[in-house]
């Protein structure tokens, strides 16, 4: 379906950028030392172990997004990068989930009969197209203002109005013993206080042999230069302070974190931005933005 082959997990160790980062300890130490003034302690580094009733929320991050919640559906506003990236994210989701669930990717409603949860749904820019593709969608967000915006916009479309929006957390849904065929959390994990506990919650929400999809930003020097310096301070695509480089995860870290949560990553792809066309495309290069598809291990 894609013009470029997707980045497969079995090729992870062969990716030159990743293997160099993980194998050359001297280079790693030199890079970290050079960028030490830019680093902060990870918000989850010294976090005590959470129980099922606690939350992986980062209150500072919630405040950031609450401040710009009114702009979710402004295609030229603070969320413009997500609007532009959305078709490419959806292409990956459609391809991987249709293959996994044996659905026709060329159908107008390939996700008919499947239950999805969009964790950290914001204003609903992902939940709505998933609903139009036939899925029964629950969208959750910890920012009440986001949920109100999402509901208002969904009511403009009879199909999207079927989405169940809730101001809650993944942990709360786990306590309610909710389960879904696919659990999706895009551009969320870099904003939570405890990624490991967050992934455990995503796993608990996924049915056995169900799918989990996560997208985030690599903790690489190139990601710092593009996703923070360029996007926030030069191009002003995002409000300054949207991201903390130290909170990003490398692909290896995400794979291991999900593995410990009983999710096996089967496929991974990067996102590449073409400044000439202003469009994103899927690529083998996971050096900056990347997305991963995993399967919940059968119990």
C-alpha atoms as a PDB file:
ATOM      1  CA  UNK A   1       0.000   0.000   0.000  1.00  0.00           C
ATOM      2  CA  UNK A   2       2.888   2.347   0.697  1.00  0.00           C
ATOM      3  CA  UNK A   3       5.479   3.537  -1.796  1.00  0.00           C
ATOM      4  CA  UNK A   4       8.216   2.838   0.724  1.00  0.00           C
ATOM      5  CA  UNK A   5       8.749  -0.322   2.746  1.00  0.00           C
ATOM      6  CA  UNK A   6       7.931  -0.023   6.435  1.00  0.00           C
ATOM      7  CA  UNK A   7      10.574  -0.296   9.093  1.00  0.00           C
ATOM      8  CA  UNK A   8      10.339  -3.841  10.446  1.00  0.00           C
ATOM      9  CA  UNK A   9      11.327  -4.790  13.952  1.00  0.00           C
ATOM     10  CA  UNK A  10      13.703  -7.452  12.735  1.00  0.00           C
ATOM     11  CA  UNK A  11      15.709  -4.728  11.000  1.00  0.00           C
ATOM     12  CA  UNK A  12      16.074  -2.664  14.173  1.00  0.00           C
ATOM     13  CA  UNK A  13      19.596  -3.771  14.940  1.00  0.00           C
ATOM     14  CA  UNK A  14      20.686  -3.110  11.359  1.00  0.00           C
ATOM     15  CA  UNK A  15      19.585   0.519  11.289  1.00  0.00           C
ATOM     16  CA  UNK A  16      22.842   2.405  11.197  1.00  0.00           C
ATOM     17  CA  UNK A  17      21.742   5.349  13.301  1.00  0.00           C
ATOM     18  CA  UNK A  18      20.304   3.151  16.038  1.00  0.00           C
ATOM     19  CA  UNK A  19      23.100   0.628  16.180  1.00  0.00           C
ATOM     20  CA  UNK A  20      25.718   3.355  16.321  1.00  0.00           C
ATOM     21  CA  UNK A  21      23.912   5.028  19.188  1.00  0.00           C
ATOM     22  CA  UNK A  22      23.531   1.840  21.164  1.00  0.00           C
ATOM     23  CA  UNK A  23      26.913   0.254  20.508  1.00  0.00           C
ATOM     24  CA  UNK A  24      29.352   3.138  20.680  1.00  0.00           C
ATOM     25  CA  UNK A  25      29.458   4.031  24.364  1.00  0.00           C
ATOM     26  CA  UNK A  26      32.198   6.627  23.920  1.00  0.00           C
ATOM     27  CA  UNK A  27      30.164   8.496  21.319  1.00  0.00           C
ATOM     28  CA  UNK A  28      27.099   8.273  23.508  1.00  0.00           C
ATOM     29  CA  UNK A  29      28.942   9.748  26.495  1.00  0.00           C
ATOM     30  CA  UNK A  30      30.390  12.530  24.366  1.00  0.00           C
ATOM     31  CA  UNK A  31      27.009  13.457  22.907  1.00  0.00           C
ATOM     32  CA  UNK A  32      25.301  13.461  26.292  1.00  0.00           C
ATOM     33  CA  UNK A  33      28.088  15.548  27.796  1.00  0.00           C
ATOM     34  CA  UNK A  34      27.857  18.084  24.985  1.00  0.00           C
ATOM     35  CA  UNK A  35      24.117  18.451  25.451  1.00  0.00           C
ATOM     36  CA  UNK A  36      24.093  18.233  29.248  1.00  0.00           C
ATOM     37  CA  UNK A  37      22.866  21.828  29.675  1.00  0.00           C
ATOM     38  CA  UNK A  38      19.791  20.909  27.621  1.00  0.00           C
ATOM     39  CA  UNK A  39      18.878  17.872  29.666  1.00  0.00           C
ATOM     40  CA  UNK A  40      16.477  17.729  32.568  1.00  0.00           C
ATOM     41  CA  UNK A  41      15.735  14.884  34.916  1.00  0.00           C
ATOM     42  CA  UNK A  42      13.038  12.776  33.377  1.00  0.00           C
ATOM     43  CA  UNK A  43       9.730  13.449  35.082  1.00  0.00           C
ATOM     44  CA  UNK A  44       9.314   9.732  35.694  1.00  0.00           C
ATOM     45  CA  UNK A  45      12.898   8.912  36.698  1.00  0.00           C
ATOM     46  CA  UNK A  46      12.287   8.909  40.441  1.00  0.00           C
ATOM     47  CA  UNK A  47       8.573   8.226  40.383  1.00  0.00           C
ATOM     48  CA  UNK A  48       7.498   5.581  42.924  1.00  0.00           C
ATOM     49  CA  UNK A  49       5.790   2.450  41.679  1.00  0.00           C
ATOM     50  CA  UNK A  50       2.168   3.148  40.784  1.00  0.00           C
ATOM     51  CA  UNK A  51      -0.779   0.965  41.615  1.00  0.00           C
ATOM     52  CA  UNK A  52      -3.683   0.405  39.251  1.00  0.00           C
ATOM     53  CA  UNK A  53      -5.609   3.220  40.909  1.00  0.00           C
ATOM     54  CA  UNK A  54      -2.916   5.860  40.380  1.00  0.00           C
ATOM     55  CA  UNK A  55      -2.185   7.826  37.252  1.00  0.00           C
ATOM     56  CA  UNK A  56       0.810   8.364  34.965  1.00  0.00           C
ATOM     57  CA  UNK A  57      -0.367  11.917  34.288  1.00  0.00           C
ATOM     58  CA  UNK A  58       2.083  14.794  34.192  1.00  0.00           C
ATOM     59  CA  UNK A  59       0.212  17.849  35.471  1.00  0.00           C
ATOM     60  CA  UNK A  60       2.608  20.313  33.820  1.00  0.00           C
ATOM     61  CA  UNK A  61       1.984  18.711  30.439  1.00  0.00           C
ATOM     62  CA  UNK A  62      -1.790  18.768  30.980  1.00  0.00           C
ATOM     63  CA  UNK A  63      -1.643  22.499  31.697  1.00  0.00           C
ATOM     64  CA  UNK A  64       0.229  23.122  28.438  1.00  0.00           C
ATOM     65  CA  UNK A  65      -2.468  21.483  26.342  1.00  0.00           C
ATOM     66  CA  UNK A  66      -5.353  22.938  28.314  1.00  0.00           C
ATOM     67  CA  UNK A  67      -4.015  26.412  27.466  1.00  0.00           C
ATOM     68  CA  UNK A  68      -4.349  25.798  23.713  1.00  0.00           C
ATOM     69  CA  UNK A  69      -7.381  23.476  23.691  1.00  0.00           C
ATOM     70  CA  UNK A  70      -9.547  25.956  21.758  1.00  0.00           C
ATOM     71  CA  UNK A  71      -7.204  25.591  18.777  1.00  0.00           C
ATOM     72  CA  UNK A  72      -7.604  21.848  18.137  1.00  0.00           C
ATOM     73  CA  UNK A  73      -9.594  22.283  14.929  1.00  0.00           C
ATOM     74  CA  UNK A  74      -7.689  25.321  13.649  1.00  0.00           C
ATOM     75  CA  UNK A  75      -5.679  23.763  10.812  1.00  0.00           C
ATOM     76  CA  UNK A  76      -3.316  26.747  10.862  1.00  0.00           C
ATOM     77  CA  UNK A  77      -2.996  26.902  14.667  1.00  0.00           C
ATOM     78  CA  UNK A  78      -0.728  25.199  17.229  1.00  0.00           C
ATOM     79  CA  UNK A  79      -1.898  21.748  16.137  1.00  0.00           C
ATOM     80  CA  UNK A  80      -1.173  22.295  12.437  1.00  0.00           C
ATOM     81  CA  UNK A  81       1.652  19.671  12.466  1.00  0.00           C
ATOM     82  CA  UNK A  82      -0.797  17.004  13.656  1.00  0.00           C
ATOM     83  CA  UNK A  83      -3.390  17.980  11.042  1.00  0.00           C
ATOM     84  CA  UNK A  84      -0.791  17.739   8.283  1.00  0.00           C
ATOM     85  CA  UNK A  85       0.598  14.452   9.633  1.00  0.00           C
ATOM     86  CA  UNK A  86      -2.821  12.869  10.211  1.00  0.00           C
ATOM     87  CA  UNK A  87      -3.303  11.296   6.741  1.00  0.00           C
ATOM     88  CA  UNK A  88       0.085   9.562   7.031  1.00  0.00           C
ATOM     89  CA  UNK A  89      -0.645   8.349  10.562  1.00  0.00           C
ATOM     90  CA  UNK A  90      -3.987   7.003   9.368  1.00  0.00           C
ATOM     91  CA  UNK A  91      -2.340   5.238   6.420  1.00  0.00           C
ATOM     92  CA  UNK A  92      -0.119   3.295   8.823  1.00  0.00           C
ATOM     93  CA  UNK A  93      -3.050   2.514  11.121  1.00  0.00           C
ATOM     94  CA  UNK A  94      -5.268   1.350   8.256  1.00  0.00           C
ATOM     95  CA  UNK A  95      -2.544  -0.857   6.778  1.00  0.00           C
ATOM     96  CA  UNK A  96      -1.399  -2.557   9.983  1.00  0.00           C
ATOM     97  CA  UNK A  97      -4.822  -3.034  11.542  1.00  0.00           C
ATOM     98  CA  UNK A  98      -6.483  -4.279   8.367  1.00  0.00           C
ATOM     99  CA  UNK A  99      -3.703  -6.827   7.936  1.00  0.00           C
ATOM    100  CA  UNK A 100      -3.872  -7.902  11.581  1.00  0.00           C
ATOM    101  CA  UNK A 101      -7.664  -8.204  11.758  1.00  0.00           C
ATOM    102  CA  UNK A 102      -8.080  -9.571   8.218  1.00  0.00           C
ATOM    103  CA  UNK A 103      -9.976  -6.536   6.944  1.00  0.00           C
ATOM    104  CA  UNK A 104     -10.090  -5.054   3.443  1.00  0.00           C
ATOM    105  CA  UNK A 105      -7.889  -1.913   3.425  1.00  0.00           C
ATOM    106  CA  UNK A 106      -9.699  -0.642   0.324  1.00  0.00           C
ATOM    107  CA  UNK A 107     -13.115  -0.736   1.992  1.00  0.00           C
ATOM    108  CA  UNK A 108     -14.676   2.593   2.930  1.00  0.00           C
ATOM    109  CA  UNK A 109     -15.387   1.221   6.421  1.00  0.00           C
ATOM    110  CA  UNK A 110     -12.694  -1.405   7.058  1.00  0.00           C
ATOM    111  CA  UNK A 111     -12.952  -1.222  10.852  1.00  0.00           C
ATOM    112  CA  UNK A 112     -16.628  -2.172  11.046  1.00  0.00           C
ATOM    113  CA  UNK A 113     -17.239  -4.328  14.126  1.00  0.00           C
ATOM    114  CA  UNK A 114     -14.026  -3.334  15.931  1.00  0.00           C
ATOM    115  CA  UNK A 115     -13.737  -1.369  19.194  1.00  0.00           C
ATOM    116  CA  UNK A 116     -10.962   1.244  19.400  1.00  0.00           C
ATOM    117  CA  UNK A 117      -9.863   3.600  22.146  1.00  0.00           C
ATOM    118  CA  UNK A 118      -7.991   6.801  21.279  1.00  0.00           C
ATOM    119  CA  UNK A 119      -5.927   7.575  24.390  1.00  0.00           C
ATOM    120  CA  UNK A 120      -5.066  11.251  24.686  1.00  0.00           C
ATOM    121  CA  UNK A 121      -7.579  12.072  21.957  1.00  0.00           C
ATOM    122  CA  UNK A 122      -7.324  15.861  22.336  1.00  0.00           C
ATOM    123  CA  UNK A 123      -9.958  17.521  20.180  1.00  0.00           C
ATOM    124  CA  UNK A 124     -10.711  14.319  18.268  1.00  0.00           C
ATOM    125  CA  UNK A 125      -8.673  14.791  15.092  1.00  0.00           C
ATOM    126  CA  UNK A 126      -7.842  11.067  15.050  1.00  0.00           C
ATOM    127  CA  UNK A 127     -11.029   9.711  16.646  1.00  0.00           C
ATOM    128  CA  UNK A 128     -13.270  11.187  13.955  1.00  0.00           C
ATOM    129  CA  UNK A 129     -11.632   9.567  10.896  1.00  0.00           C
ATOM    130  CA  UNK A 130     -11.428   6.246  12.769  1.00  0.00           C
ATOM    131  CA  UNK A 131     -15.187   6.437  13.368  1.00  0.00           C
ATOM    132  CA  UNK A 132     -15.771   7.235   9.694  1.00  0.00           C
ATOM    133  CA  UNK A 133     -13.814   4.075   8.862  1.00  0.00           C
ATOM    134  CA  UNK A 134     -16.385   2.072  10.805  1.00  0.00           C
ATOM    135  CA  UNK A 135     -14.774   1.608  14.214  1.00  0.00           C
ATOM    136  CA  UNK A 136     -16.690   1.953  17.456  1.00  0.00           C
ATOM    137  CA  UNK A 137     -14.496   4.648  19.023  1.00  0.00           C
ATOM    138  CA  UNK A 138     -13.986   5.779  22.588  1.00  0.00           C
ATOM    139  CA  UNK A 139     -11.876   8.913  22.896  1.00  0.00           C
ATOM    140  CA  UNK A 140     -10.366   9.747  26.273  1.00  0.00           C
ATOM    141  CA  UNK A 141      -8.364  12.724  27.490  1.00  0.00           C
ATOM    142  CA  UNK A 142      -7.430  14.012  30.924  1.00  0.00           C
ATOM    143  CA  UNK A 143      -8.104  17.627  29.912  1.00  0.00           C
ATOM    144  CA  UNK A 144     -11.814  18.365  30.267  1.00  0.00           C
ATOM    145  CA  UNK A 145     -11.621  21.281  27.826  1.00  0.00           C
ATOM    146  CA  UNK A 146     -10.286  18.960  25.117  1.00  0.00           C
ATOM    147  CA  UNK A 147     -13.226  16.605  25.565  1.00  0.00           C
ATOM    148  CA  UNK A 148     -15.726  19.454  25.361  1.00  0.00           C
ATOM    149  CA  UNK A 149     -14.149  20.671  22.108  1.00  0.00           C
ATOM    150  CA  UNK A 150     -14.146  17.110  20.728  1.00  0.00           C
ATOM    151  CA  UNK A 151     -17.837  16.608  21.536  1.00  0.00           C
ATOM    152  CA  UNK A 152     -18.847  19.919  19.992  1.00  0.00           C
ATOM    153  CA  UNK A 153     -17.008  19.172  16.769  1.00  0.00           C
ATOM    154  CA  UNK A 154     -18.241  15.569  16.569  1.00  0.00           C
ATOM    155  CA  UNK A 155     -21.838  16.732  16.835  1.00  0.00           C
ATOM    156  CA  UNK A 156     -21.412  18.420  13.448  1.00  0.00           C
ATOM    157  CA  UNK A 157     -21.112  14.998  11.788  1.00  0.00           C
ATOM    158  CA  UNK A 158     -23.739  12.228  12.263  1.00  0.00           C
ATOM    159  CA  UNK A 159     -21.060   9.529  12.016  1.00  0.00           C
ATOM    160  CA  UNK A 160     -18.595  11.221  14.364  1.00  0.00           C
ATOM    161  CA  UNK A 161     -21.370  11.916  16.860  1.00  0.00           C
ATOM    162  CA  UNK A 162     -21.326   8.196  17.686  1.00  0.00           C
ATOM    163  CA  UNK A 163     -17.885   8.583  19.349  1.00  0.00           C
ATOM    164  CA  UNK A 164     -17.948   8.173  23.120  1.00  0.00           C
ATOM    165  CA  UNK A 165     -15.771  10.951  24.534  1.00  0.00           C
ATOM    166  CA  UNK A 166     -14.783  10.788  28.193  1.00  0.00           C
ATOM    167  CA  UNK A 167     -12.619  12.976  30.404  1.00  0.00           C
ATOM    168  CA  UNK A 168     -10.699  10.181  32.087  1.00  0.00           C
ATOM    169  CA  UNK A 169      -7.417   8.282  32.014  1.00  0.00           C
ATOM    170  CA  UNK A 170      -6.277   4.933  30.704  1.00  0.00           C
ATOM    171  CA  UNK A 171      -5.755   3.825  34.305  1.00  0.00           C
ATOM    172  CA  UNK A 172      -9.381   4.573  35.138  1.00  0.00           C
ATOM    173  CA  UNK A 173     -10.581   2.529  32.177  1.00  0.00           C
ATOM    174  CA  UNK A 174      -8.437  -0.361  33.422  1.00  0.00           C
ATOM    175  CA  UNK A 175     -10.186  -0.139  36.787  1.00  0.00           C
ATOM    176  CA  UNK A 176     -13.507  -0.306  34.928  1.00  0.00           C
ATOM    177  CA  UNK A 177     -12.202  -3.470  33.204  1.00  0.00           C
ATOM    178  CA  UNK A 178     -12.707  -1.999  29.737  1.00  0.00           C
ATOM    179  CA  UNK A 179     -11.100  -3.786  26.791  1.00  0.00           C
ATOM    180  CA  UNK A 180     -10.661  -2.851  23.141  1.00  0.00           C
ATOM    181  CA  UNK A 181      -9.581  -4.549  19.921  1.00  0.00           C
ATOM    182  CA  UNK A 182      -7.104  -1.731  19.301  1.00  0.00           C
ATOM    183  CA  UNK A 183      -5.583   0.788  21.701  1.00  0.00           C
ATOM    184  CA  UNK A 184      -4.075   3.848  20.034  1.00  0.00           C
ATOM    185  CA  UNK A 185      -1.955   6.539  21.702  1.00  0.00           C
ATOM    186  CA  UNK A 186      -0.352   8.965  19.263  1.00  0.00           C
ATOM    187  CA  UNK A 187       2.065  11.670  20.420  1.00  0.00           C
ATOM    188  CA  UNK A 188       1.113  11.000  24.047  1.00  0.00           C
ATOM    189  CA  UNK A 189       3.789   8.881  25.723  1.00  0.00           C
ATOM    190  CA  UNK A 190       6.381  11.689  25.650  1.00  0.00           C
ATOM    191  CA  UNK A 191       4.029  13.773  27.806  1.00  0.00           C
ATOM    192  CA  UNK A 192       3.245  11.263  30.574  1.00  0.00           C
ATOM    193  CA  UNK A 193       5.013  11.051  33.927  1.00  0.00           C
ATOM    194  CA  UNK A 194       5.688   7.307  33.808  1.00  0.00           C
ATOM    195  CA  UNK A 195       5.924   5.677  30.349  1.00  0.00           C
ATOM    196  CA  UNK A 196       6.330   2.160  31.765  1.00  0.00           C
ATOM    197  CA  UNK A 197       3.130   2.355  33.828  1.00  0.00           C
ATOM    198  CA  UNK A 198       1.357   4.049  30.920  1.00  0.00           C
ATOM    199  CA  UNK A 199       2.258   1.135  28.623  1.00  0.00           C
ATOM    200  CA  UNK A 200       1.044  -1.351  31.236  1.00  0.00           C
ATOM    201  CA  UNK A 201      -2.310   0.433  31.228  1.00  0.00           C
ATOM    202  CA  UNK A 202      -2.467   0.361  27.418  1.00  0.00           C
ATOM    203  CA  UNK A 203      -1.730  -3.361  27.521  1.00  0.00           C
ATOM    204  CA  UNK A 204      -4.436  -3.983  30.121  1.00  0.00           C
ATOM    205  CA  UNK A 205      -6.947  -2.225  27.852  1.00  0.00           C
ATOM    206  CA  UNK A 206      -5.992  -4.393  24.856  1.00  0.00           C
ATOM    207  CA  UNK A 207      -7.764  -7.708  24.332  1.00  0.00           C
ATOM    208  CA  UNK A 208      -5.605 -10.801  23.976  1.00  0.00           C
ATOM    209  CA  UNK A 209      -4.091 -10.781  20.465  1.00  0.00           C
ATOM    210  CA  UNK A 210      -5.405  -7.254  20.022  1.00  0.00           C
ATOM    211  CA  UNK A 211      -3.368  -4.338  18.681  1.00  0.00           C
ATOM    212  CA  UNK A 212      -1.588  -1.415  20.296  1.00  0.00           C
ATOM    213  CA  UNK A 213      -0.270   1.521  18.249  1.00  0.00           C
ATOM    214  CA  UNK A 214       1.976   4.225  19.671  1.00  0.00           C
ATOM    215  CA  UNK A 215       3.699   7.129  17.963  1.00  0.00           C
ATOM    216  CA  UNK A 216       6.272   9.431  19.523  1.00  0.00           C
ATOM    217  CA  UNK A 217       9.595  11.205  18.928  1.00  0.00           C
ATOM    218  CA  UNK A 218      13.039   9.610  19.081  1.00  0.00           C
ATOM    219  CA  UNK A 219      15.497  10.919  21.663  1.00  0.00           C
ATOM    220  CA  UNK A 220      18.129  11.730  19.052  1.00  0.00           C
ATOM    221  CA  UNK A 221      20.216  14.800  18.305  1.00  0.00           C
ATOM    222  CA  UNK A 222      18.369  15.161  15.000  1.00  0.00           C
ATOM    223  CA  UNK A 223      15.031  15.106  16.825  1.00  0.00           C
ATOM    224  CA  UNK A 224      16.238  17.843  19.169  1.00  0.00           C
ATOM    225  CA  UNK A 225      17.297  19.959  16.195  1.00  0.00           C
ATOM    226  CA  UNK A 226      14.097  19.458  14.208  1.00  0.00           C
ATOM    227  CA  UNK A 227      11.268  18.732  16.655  1.00  0.00           C
ATOM    228  CA  UNK A 228      12.309  21.325  19.216  1.00  0.00           C
ATOM    229  CA  UNK A 229      14.736  23.931  17.858  1.00  0.00           C
ATOM    230  CA  UNK A 230      13.243  24.155  14.364  1.00  0.00           C
ATOM    231  CA  UNK A 231       9.560  23.374  15.081  1.00  0.00           C
ATOM    232  CA  UNK A 232       9.242  25.446  18.268  1.00  0.00           C
ATOM    233  CA  UNK A 233      11.815  28.236  18.009  1.00  0.00           C
ATOM    234  CA  UNK A 234      12.448  28.832  14.300  1.00  0.00           C
ATOM    235  CA  UNK A 235       9.333  27.799  12.357  1.00  0.00           C
ATOM    236  CA  UNK A 236       6.966  28.348  15.313  1.00  0.00           C
ATOM    237  CA  UNK A 237       4.893  25.324  14.337  1.00  0.00           C
ATOM    238  CA  UNK A 238       4.446  24.526  18.026  1.00  0.00           C
ATOM    239  CA  UNK A 239       4.347  26.661  21.170  1.00  0.00           C
ATOM    240  CA  UNK A 240       7.751  26.949  22.845  1.00  0.00           C
ATOM    241  CA  UNK A 241       8.179  24.348  25.537  1.00  0.00           C
ATOM    242  CA  UNK A 242       5.787  21.844  23.964  1.00  0.00           C
ATOM    243  CA  UNK A 243       8.429  19.108  24.150  1.00  0.00           C
ATOM    244  CA  UNK A 244      11.242  18.147  26.511  1.00  0.00           C
ATOM    245  CA  UNK A 245      13.997  16.266  24.691  1.00  0.00           C
ATOM    246  CA  UNK A 246      14.807  14.245  27.807  1.00  0.00           C
ATOM    247  CA  UNK A 247      11.242  12.855  27.833  1.00  0.00           C
ATOM    248  CA  UNK A 248      11.523  11.339  24.349  1.00  0.00           C
ATOM    249  CA  UNK A 249      12.010   7.579  23.954  1.00  0.00           C
ATOM    250  CA  UNK A 250      14.317   5.802  21.534  1.00  0.00           C
ATOM    251  CA  UNK A 251      12.770   3.015  19.437  1.00  0.00           C
ATOM    252  CA  UNK A 252      14.721   0.444  21.453  1.00  0.00           C
ATOM    253  CA  UNK A 253      13.377   1.831  24.714  1.00  0.00           C
ATOM    254  CA  UNK A 254       9.808   1.805  23.445  1.00  0.00           C
ATOM    255  CA  UNK A 255      10.133  -1.781  22.199  1.00  0.00           C
ATOM    256  CA  UNK A 256      11.523  -2.961  25.558  1.00  0.00           C
ATOM    257  CA  UNK A 257       8.923  -1.009  27.554  1.00  0.00           C
ATOM    258  CA  UNK A 258       6.087  -2.523  25.532  1.00  0.00           C
ATOM    259  CA  UNK A 259       7.663  -5.963  25.727  1.00  0.00           C
ATOM    260  CA  UNK A 260       7.630  -5.745  29.527  1.00  0.00           C
ATOM    261  CA  UNK A 261       3.944  -4.848  29.260  1.00  0.00           C
ATOM    262  CA  UNK A 262       3.226  -8.035  27.242  1.00  0.00           C
ATOM    263  CA  UNK A 263       3.075  -6.266  23.869  1.00  0.00           C
ATOM    264  CA  UNK A 264       5.292  -7.479  21.035  1.00  0.00           C
ATOM    265  CA  UNK A 265       6.191  -4.782  18.518  1.00  0.00           C
ATOM    266  CA  UNK A 266       5.813  -6.226  15.021  1.00  0.00           C
ATOM    267  CA  UNK A 267       6.227  -3.209  12.795  1.00  0.00           C
ATOM    268  CA  UNK A 268       7.683   0.267  12.962  1.00  0.00           C
ATOM    269  CA  UNK A 269       7.916   3.191  10.557  1.00  0.00           C
ATOM    270  CA  UNK A 270       9.276   6.701  10.590  1.00  0.00           C
ATOM    271  CA  UNK A 271       7.714   9.926   9.349  1.00  0.00           C
ATOM    272  CA  UNK A 272       9.547  12.141   6.895  1.00  0.00           C
ATOM    273  CA  UNK A 273       8.578  15.742   6.164  1.00  0.00           C
ATOM    274  CA  UNK A 274       9.059  17.218   2.691  1.00  0.00           C
ATOM    275  CA  UNK A 275       9.400  21.009   3.011  1.00  0.00           C
ATOM    276  CA  UNK A 276       8.801  21.441  -0.726  1.00  0.00           C
ATOM    277  CA  UNK A 277       5.360  19.815  -0.684  1.00  0.00           C
ATOM    278  CA  UNK A 278       4.552  20.411   2.976  1.00  0.00           C
ATOM    279  CA  UNK A 279       3.535  16.757   3.272  1.00  0.00           C
ATOM    280  CA  UNK A 280       4.570  13.818   5.449  1.00  0.00           C
ATOM    281  CA  UNK A 281       5.318  10.293   4.234  1.00  0.00           C
ATOM    282  CA  UNK A 282       6.205   6.949   5.803  1.00  0.00           C
ATOM    283  CA  UNK A 283       9.864   5.991   5.713  1.00  0.00           C
ATOM    284  CA  UNK A 284      12.351   3.468   7.097  1.00  0.00           C
ATOM    285  CA  UNK A 285      14.112   6.297   8.949  1.00  0.00           C
ATOM    286  CA  UNK A 286      12.983   6.374  12.606  1.00  0.00           C
ATOM    287  CA  UNK A 287      15.486   9.039  13.591  1.00  0.00           C
ATOM    288  CA  UNK A 288      12.855  11.645  14.535  1.00  0.00           C
ATOM    289  CA  UNK A 289       9.098  10.880  14.477  1.00  0.00           C
ATOM    290  CA  UNK A 290       8.128   7.216  14.466  1.00  0.00           C
ATOM    291  CA  UNK A 291       5.138   4.936  14.971  1.00  0.00           C
ATOM    292  CA  UNK A 292       4.971   1.351  16.252  1.00  0.00           C
ATOM    293  CA  UNK A 293       2.394  -1.412  15.894  1.00  0.00           C
ATOM    294  CA  UNK A 294       2.346  -4.186  18.501  1.00  0.00           C
ATOM    295  CA  UNK A 295       0.259  -7.211  19.404  1.00  0.00           C
ATOM    296  CA  UNK A 296      -0.904  -8.101  22.914  1.00  0.00           C
ATOM    297  CA  UNK A 297       0.530 -11.489  23.810  1.00  0.00           C
ATOM    298  CA  UNK A 298      -2.014 -14.259  24.270  1.00  0.00           C
ATOM    299  CA  UNK A 299      -2.441 -15.181  27.913  1.00  0.00           C
END
